[in-house]
């Protein structure tokens, strides 16, 4: 099953992307220092439900510098 949304995390904030026929479309962004972070995130959720009323399947995009890579013998 393919996700229809992606939540991209960064130190600056969160970006919500929606899968479209030729890639991804930016739905909206929320800064982590937003005065009302809860409401801002709720607005993103409402926009997502408007785009996909049948359900939201989301993958999380973690910044590459936040992933620890190891090589094991």
N, C-alpha and C. Protein backbone atom coordinates (compact mmCIF):
# COMPACT_ATOMS: atom_id res chain seq x y z
N UNK A 1 0.83 -1.16 0.00
CA UNK A 1 0.00 0.00 0.00
C UNK A 1 0.89 1.25 0.00
N UNK A 2 0.64 2.15 -0.92
CA UNK A 2 1.42 3.38 -1.02
C UNK A 2 0.81 4.46 -0.13
N UNK A 3 1.69 5.20 0.52
CA UNK A 3 1.22 6.33 1.32
C UNK A 3 0.77 7.46 0.37
N UNK A 4 -0.24 8.19 0.81
CA UNK A 4 -0.70 9.32 -0.01
C UNK A 4 -0.18 10.66 0.51
N UNK A 5 0.51 10.62 1.66
CA UNK A 5 1.12 11.82 2.22
C UNK A 5 2.50 11.50 2.76
N UNK A 6 3.32 12.52 2.87
CA UNK A 6 4.63 12.41 3.52
C UNK A 6 4.78 13.60 4.44
N UNK A 7 5.25 13.33 5.66
CA UNK A 7 5.53 14.38 6.62
C UNK A 7 7.03 14.52 6.73
N UNK A 8 7.54 15.62 6.24
CA UNK A 8 8.98 15.86 6.22
C UNK A 8 9.39 16.65 7.45
N UNK A 9 10.30 16.07 8.23
CA UNK A 9 10.76 16.70 9.47
C UNK A 9 12.08 17.42 9.24
N UNK A 10 12.23 18.57 9.88
CA UNK A 10 13.50 19.29 9.85
C UNK A 10 13.63 20.08 11.15
N UNK A 11 14.78 20.68 11.37
CA UNK A 11 14.96 21.50 12.57
C UNK A 11 14.15 22.79 12.50
N UNK A 12 13.77 23.21 11.31
CA UNK A 12 12.98 24.42 11.13
C UNK A 12 11.49 24.17 11.32
N UNK A 13 11.03 22.96 10.95
CA UNK A 13 9.60 22.69 11.06
C UNK A 13 9.20 21.42 10.34
N UNK A 14 7.91 21.36 10.02
CA UNK A 14 7.31 20.21 9.37
C UNK A 14 6.69 20.64 8.05
N UNK A 15 6.83 19.79 7.05
CA UNK A 15 6.20 20.04 5.76
C UNK A 15 5.34 18.83 5.42
N UNK A 16 4.12 19.09 4.99
CA UNK A 16 3.22 18.01 4.58
C UNK A 16 3.15 17.99 3.06
N UNK A 17 3.44 16.83 2.49
CA UNK A 17 3.43 16.65 1.04
C UNK A 17 2.33 15.66 0.67
N UNK A 18 1.69 15.89 -0.46
CA UNK A 18 0.63 15.01 -0.96
C UNK A 18 1.10 14.37 -2.26
N UNK A 19 0.92 13.05 -2.35
CA UNK A 19 1.32 12.34 -3.57
C UNK A 19 0.35 12.69 -4.71
N UNK A 20 0.92 13.12 -5.84
CA UNK A 20 0.14 13.40 -7.04
C UNK A 20 0.71 12.56 -8.18
N UNK A 21 0.06 12.58 -9.32
CA UNK A 21 0.42 11.68 -10.42
C UNK A 21 1.87 11.80 -10.87
N UNK A 22 2.48 12.97 -10.73
CA UNK A 22 3.86 13.14 -11.21
C UNK A 22 4.86 13.43 -10.09
N UNK A 23 4.51 13.11 -8.85
CA UNK A 23 5.45 13.34 -7.74
C UNK A 23 4.74 13.73 -6.46
N UNK A 24 5.22 14.81 -5.85
CA UNK A 24 4.69 15.28 -4.58
C UNK A 24 4.34 16.76 -4.67
N UNK A 25 3.25 17.14 -4.03
CA UNK A 25 2.79 18.52 -3.98
C UNK A 25 2.83 18.99 -2.52
N UNK A 26 3.41 20.16 -2.28
CA UNK A 26 3.48 20.71 -0.93
C UNK A 26 2.09 21.19 -0.51
N UNK A 27 1.58 20.62 0.58
CA UNK A 27 0.28 21.02 1.12
C UNK A 27 0.45 22.22 2.04
N UNK A 28 1.46 22.17 2.90
CA UNK A 28 1.69 23.27 3.82
C UNK A 28 2.90 23.01 4.70
N UNK A 29 3.30 24.05 5.42
CA UNK A 29 4.46 23.96 6.32
C UNK A 29 4.10 24.59 7.66
N UNK A 30 4.73 24.08 8.71
CA UNK A 30 4.55 24.61 10.05
C UNK A 30 5.92 24.76 10.69
N UNK A 31 6.20 25.94 11.20
CA UNK A 31 7.46 26.19 11.90
C UNK A 31 7.37 25.61 13.31
N UNK A 32 8.48 25.08 13.80
CA UNK A 32 8.49 24.51 15.15
C UNK A 32 8.30 25.57 16.22
N UNK A 33 8.64 26.81 15.90
CA UNK A 33 8.48 27.88 16.89
C UNK A 33 7.16 28.63 16.72
N UNK A 34 6.21 28.04 15.98
CA UNK A 34 4.89 28.64 15.80
C UNK A 34 4.25 28.86 17.17
N UNK A 35 3.66 30.03 17.38
CA UNK A 35 3.06 30.37 18.68
C UNK A 35 1.94 29.41 19.06
N UNK A 36 1.21 28.90 18.07
CA UNK A 36 0.14 27.94 18.33
C UNK A 36 0.36 26.70 17.47
N UNK A 37 1.38 25.94 17.83
CA UNK A 37 1.79 24.77 17.05
C UNK A 37 0.66 23.76 16.89
N UNK A 38 -0.09 23.54 17.95
CA UNK A 38 -1.18 22.56 17.90
C UNK A 38 -2.21 22.94 16.85
N UNK A 39 -2.62 24.19 16.81
CA UNK A 39 -3.60 24.63 15.81
C UNK A 39 -3.04 24.57 14.40
N UNK A 40 -1.78 24.93 14.25
CA UNK A 40 -1.15 24.89 12.93
C UNK A 40 -1.09 23.46 12.40
N UNK A 41 -0.76 22.51 13.27
CA UNK A 41 -0.73 21.11 12.85
C UNK A 41 -2.13 20.60 12.55
N UNK A 42 -3.10 21.05 13.31
CA UNK A 42 -4.49 20.66 13.06
C UNK A 42 -4.95 21.16 11.70
N UNK A 43 -4.53 22.37 11.32
CA UNK A 43 -4.89 22.89 10.00
C UNK A 43 -4.32 22.01 8.89
N UNK A 44 -3.08 21.53 9.07
CA UNK A 44 -2.49 20.61 8.08
C UNK A 44 -3.31 19.33 7.99
N UNK A 45 -3.75 18.81 9.15
CA UNK A 45 -4.55 17.59 9.16
C UNK A 45 -5.87 17.80 8.43
N UNK A 46 -6.51 18.94 8.65
CA UNK A 46 -7.77 19.25 7.98
C UNK A 46 -7.57 19.35 6.47
N UNK A 47 -6.48 19.98 6.04
CA UNK A 47 -6.18 20.07 4.61
C UNK A 47 -5.97 18.68 4.02
N UNK A 48 -5.28 17.81 4.76
CA UNK A 48 -5.05 16.44 4.28
C UNK A 48 -6.36 15.68 4.15
N UNK A 49 -7.25 15.82 5.13
CA UNK A 49 -8.55 15.13 5.06
C UNK A 49 -9.39 15.66 3.91
N UNK A 50 -9.24 16.94 3.58
CA UNK A 50 -9.96 17.51 2.44
C UNK A 50 -9.45 16.91 1.13
N UNK A 51 -8.13 16.73 1.04
CA UNK A 51 -7.55 16.16 -0.18
C UNK A 51 -7.84 14.67 -0.32
N UNK A 52 -7.89 13.95 0.80
CA UNK A 52 -8.09 12.49 0.79
C UNK A 52 -9.12 12.12 1.85
N UNK A 53 -10.40 12.35 1.56
CA UNK A 53 -11.43 12.05 2.57
C UNK A 53 -11.53 10.56 2.92
N UNK A 54 -11.03 9.69 2.06
CA UNK A 54 -11.12 8.25 2.33
C UNK A 54 -10.08 7.76 3.33
N UNK A 55 -9.10 8.58 3.65
CA UNK A 55 -8.10 8.18 4.64
C UNK A 55 -6.73 8.77 4.36
N UNK A 56 -5.96 8.87 5.42
CA UNK A 56 -4.62 9.45 5.32
C UNK A 56 -3.59 8.38 5.67
N UNK A 57 -2.75 8.04 4.71
CA UNK A 57 -1.62 7.13 4.93
C UNK A 57 -0.36 7.96 4.76
N UNK A 58 0.42 8.05 5.83
CA UNK A 58 1.55 8.97 5.83
C UNK A 58 2.87 8.26 6.08
N UNK A 59 3.89 8.68 5.34
CA UNK A 59 5.23 8.24 5.68
C UNK A 59 5.98 9.44 6.24
N UNK A 60 6.97 9.15 7.08
CA UNK A 60 7.75 10.19 7.74
C UNK A 60 9.11 10.29 7.05
N UNK A 61 9.51 11.49 6.70
CA UNK A 61 10.82 11.74 6.10
C UNK A 61 11.72 12.36 7.16
N UNK A 62 12.75 11.63 7.55
CA UNK A 62 13.68 12.08 8.58
C UNK A 62 14.91 12.67 7.89
N UNK A 63 15.41 13.80 8.39
CA UNK A 63 16.62 14.38 7.79
C UNK A 63 17.78 13.38 7.82
N UNK A 64 18.50 13.32 6.73
CA UNK A 64 19.61 12.36 6.61
C UNK A 64 20.65 12.52 7.72
N UNK A 65 20.87 13.75 8.17
CA UNK A 65 21.88 13.95 9.21
C UNK A 65 21.39 13.50 10.59
N UNK A 66 20.16 13.07 10.69
CA UNK A 66 19.62 12.56 11.95
C UNK A 66 19.57 11.03 11.99
N UNK A 67 20.11 10.40 10.97
CA UNK A 67 20.14 8.94 10.89
C UNK A 67 21.58 8.49 11.11
N UNK A 68 21.76 7.55 12.00
CA UNK A 68 23.11 7.03 12.27
C UNK A 68 23.30 5.78 11.40
N UNK A 69 24.31 5.82 10.57
CA UNK A 69 24.64 4.71 9.69
C UNK A 69 25.83 3.95 10.27
N UNK A 70 25.74 2.65 10.32
CA UNK A 70 26.81 1.81 10.82
C UNK A 70 27.18 0.77 9.77
N UNK A 71 28.45 0.39 9.77
CA UNK A 71 28.90 -0.72 8.94
C UNK A 71 29.35 -1.82 9.87
N UNK A 72 28.76 -2.98 9.69
CA UNK A 72 29.09 -4.12 10.53
C UNK A 72 29.77 -5.19 9.70
N UNK A 73 30.77 -5.83 10.29
CA UNK A 73 31.45 -6.95 9.60
C UNK A 73 30.61 -8.20 9.70
